[in-house]
Amino acid sequence: MSIPVTIVGAGLGGLTLARVLHVHGIPVTVHEAESSPSARTQGGMLDIHEHNGQPALEAAGLTDGFRALILEGREATRILDRTGKVLLDEPDDGTGGRPEVQRGELRGLLLDSLPAGTVRWDHKVTAARSLGDGRHELTFADGTTATTGLLVGADGAWSRIRPLVSDAVPEYVGTSFVETYLFDSDTRHPATAKAAGGGALFVPEPGKGIQAHRETGGTLHTYVVLAKPQDWFTDFTDPDAARAQIAAEFTDWAPELTALITDGETAPVLRPINALPPGHNWPRTPGVTLLGDAAHLSVPNGEGANLAMQDGAELGRAIAAHPDDPEAALAEYERELFPRSAKEAAEAERDFETCFGERTPHSLIDLFTGQG
């Protein structure tokens, strides 16, 4: 009889694990703090990679469903300078290995693949403690509790499960993103839509930049990048003041680019970038492990969601291979996880420097043209 698995967090990694366990007939429950699948927007575009994200979805038996979600043409890439001059323009010729999908739609695919009741919404974990012998107790915001013999923390950067295995906490890396949106851009913001092109847009300078991606319906989803101390950013409860403060850092940039900030049609959202120490790991702790950002939060480089799904698929396979011996399963999983995570964290730091370091945009162009 398989030991039931308890997952905290219904992000892509936790749901991939739940689905792989379900495929193998292993009982699983997912506790999620959000009140429903639509409680908040689920981020923007994801490029799902051939070497990690796509095999994870294959292990989950969802390749066909994933392929139906791909937005054609979104692998196109443009790099501009602050005047709007095109430095690199690579169309999507259909041969790339990183097809783009909407994060929310991919999450929906995973949710729909699970039996009703697998995910328990509005179950925010406020505390987790060891009961000994590999068992753990979760306490939820409503005061109820649950116990489990195999616990997986898939609950992101500020994981409530991580303290069971590690004292590490994420630290601010000195850079923040500010998220904005333009809707129906081809009609309402044609100059900006033309500058952005059909896929991803990068306008990088050392310590700052604008990145945007074309989503469905002409939506341009933007991240403005600024290397500033956290206390530099004003109170974002005043959207107009926040927008003005950010735009002031780009006053001499082309108006079709700064419109991504000044004409934003949603309140700007501050996204401070935090990371765990590169190579973060922990001693084998009976009955519990971590995946995704809870295990190896790094600076963003397009790998986070893919790695979380890879973690989920590999942990699911390990548990399926040792259904009556969770310690063997967790040890096997972590033996592969730790060196992979360390390698990926180092690569993420290199990529971040490529995008926003002293040599950008030349370093970024070299990366895309295979010379970096």
Foldseek 3Di string as FASTA:
>chain_A
DFFEEEEEDLALLRLLLVLLLVVLVHHYAYEYQAQDLVSDADDFKAFAAPPFRQVSCVSSVCNVVVVVQFDPFQVWEWEAALALHTPDTGTCPPPDGTTMGTRSSSSVSSVVSDPPRRYDYNFAFPAKDDPDPQKIKTAGPVGDIDMGNAYEYAPAQQTRQLVLFDPWHWDFPQKKKKKFKDALCVPPPVLLLVSCPAHWYWHEAAQWTKIWTQGPRRMIIIITMGRHPPVVQDPLVPQQVRLVVSLVVSVPGHPSRNCRRNVGPDRIDMGGQIWTPQLDDGPQDRRYDYAFNSGGRAGDDSCRSSRSSSLSSQLSVLCSVVRPDNSSSVVVSRVVVRVVSNVVRVVNVVNVCLRHNNPPPVSVVCVVVVND
